[in-house]
Amino acid sequence: MEVRQRAACCVFLESSIAEGTQWAVFEPNGEPLWARVRLAVEDFMLQLFHQGVFQGTRPEDAYFVRCDRTTMTQDDINNGRLVILIGFAPIVPAEFFTIRVG
């Protein structure tokens, strides 16, 4: 059952974030966009943290969101690909997971 729960959690996060950032498709791919995307995803993750979805007593212990030059190659940027890396510690099991949304 844990495997299904992990998969369901990852699918939920990936699809929710992909859907919630569709507005970014029409924006120029650069630092201002990356900052707006990070803020939007961090807000979503903070809401989930407050609902008790993640482990940790502080948000920084429960998840991270990256969307910057470390998550994209120059080829990604040149071709308009936006890559977000999200790490999170779900309640069950006690591991830290990462998902990549592009």
Protein backbone atom coordinates (compact mmCIF):
# COMPACT_ATOMS: atom_id res chain seq x y z
CA MET A 1 0.00 0.00 0.00
CA GLU A 2 2.86 2.40 0.72
CA VAL A 3 4.07 2.18 -2.87
CA ARG A 4 0.63 3.19 -4.12
CA GLN A 5 0.47 6.07 -1.64
CA ARG A 6 3.89 7.31 -2.72
CA ALA A 7 2.95 7.08 -6.38
CA ALA A 8 -0.37 8.82 -5.77
CA CYS A 9 1.35 11.63 -3.87
CA CYS A 10 3.91 12.15 -6.64
CA VAL A 11 1.26 12.08 -9.36
CA PHE A 12 -0.91 14.54 -7.42
CA LEU A 13 1.96 16.98 -6.91
CA GLU A 14 3.29 16.71 -10.44
CA SER A 15 -0.11 17.14 -12.09
CA SER A 16 -1.20 19.94 -9.73
CA ILE A 17 2.02 21.88 -10.29
CA ALA A 18 1.99 21.32 -14.05
CA GLU A 19 -1.62 22.52 -14.23
CA GLY A 20 -1.01 25.44 -11.86
CA THR A 21 1.91 26.76 -13.89
CA GLN A 22 0.35 26.56 -17.37
CA TRP A 23 0.30 30.36 -17.45
CA ALA A 24 4.11 30.26 -17.72
CA VAL A 25 3.97 28.74 -21.22
CA PHE A 26 3.42 32.16 -22.78
CA GLU A 27 6.04 34.03 -20.74
CA PRO A 28 9.67 34.77 -21.71
CA ASN A 29 11.94 32.14 -20.18
CA GLY A 30 14.26 34.00 -17.80
CA GLU A 31 14.97 35.01 -14.20
CA PRO A 32 11.73 37.01 -13.66
CA LEU A 33 9.62 34.03 -14.79
CA TRP A 34 11.62 31.59 -12.70
CA ALA A 35 11.09 33.75 -9.59
CA ARG A 36 7.31 33.92 -10.22
CA VAL A 37 7.12 30.15 -10.78
CA ARG A 38 9.13 29.43 -7.61
CA LEU A 39 6.83 31.70 -5.60
CA ALA A 40 3.68 30.06 -7.00
CA VAL A 41 4.94 26.53 -6.33
CA GLU A 42 6.29 27.45 -2.89
CA ASP A 43 2.88 28.90 -1.98
CA PHE A 44 1.20 25.65 -3.05
CA MET A 45 3.70 23.54 -1.11
CA LEU A 46 3.30 25.75 1.99
CA GLN A 47 -0.45 25.20 1.91
CA LEU A 48 0.12 21.44 1.80
CA PHE A 49 2.66 21.71 4.62
CA HIS A 50 0.09 23.50 6.81
CA GLN A 51 -2.40 20.73 6.00
CA GLY A 52 0.06 18.19 7.42
CA VAL A 53 0.97 16.51 4.13
CA PHE A 54 4.74 16.67 4.76
CA GLN A 55 7.11 15.75 7.57
CA GLY A 56 9.11 18.39 9.40
CA THR A 57 8.42 21.16 11.82
CA ARG A 58 9.47 23.90 9.42
CA PRO A 59 8.72 24.29 5.71
CA GLU A 60 12.44 24.23 4.87
CA ASP A 61 12.66 20.79 6.51
CA ALA A 62 9.64 19.49 4.59
CA TYR A 63 10.19 20.58 0.98
CA PHE A 64 12.22 22.64 -1.48
CA VAL A 65 11.48 24.23 -4.83
CA ARG A 66 14.11 25.07 -7.42
CA CYS A 67 13.61 26.76 -10.74
CA ASP A 68 16.78 28.46 -11.90
CA ARG A 69 19.97 27.85 -13.87
CA THR A 70 20.67 24.76 -11.76
CA THR A 71 17.54 23.02 -13.04
CA MET A 72 17.90 23.92 -16.71
CA THR A 73 20.60 23.67 -19.30
CA GLN A 74 21.27 26.49 -21.73
CA ASP A 75 19.62 24.30 -24.37
CA ASP A 76 16.48 24.11 -22.19
CA ILE A 77 16.42 27.89 -21.86
CA ASN A 78 17.06 28.47 -25.56
CA ASN A 79 14.22 26.10 -26.46
CA GLY A 80 11.76 27.58 -23.98
CA ARG A 81 11.75 24.61 -21.59
CA LEU A 82 11.05 25.48 -17.97
CA VAL A 83 12.17 22.86 -15.44
CA ILE A 84 11.09 22.90 -11.80
CA LEU A 85 12.69 20.56 -9.25
CA ILE A 86 10.63 19.85 -6.15
CA GLY A 87 11.76 17.80 -3.19
CA PHE A 88 9.48 16.81 -0.34
CA ALA A 89 9.31 14.59 2.72
CA PRO A 90 5.88 12.93 2.82
CA ILE A 91 4.43 11.71 6.10
CA VAL A 92 4.75 8.07 4.98
CA PRO A 93 7.37 6.77 4.35
CA ALA A 94 10.24 8.64 6.02
CA GLU A 95 12.14 9.35 2.79
CA PHE A 96 12.67 12.56 0.85
CA PHE A 97 11.34 12.45 -2.72
CA THR A 98 12.07 14.66 -5.68
CA ILE A 99 9.98 15.24 -8.77
CA ARG A 100 10.88 17.15 -11.90
CA VAL A 101 8.20 19.10 -13.70
CA GLY A 102 8.95 20.47 -17.13
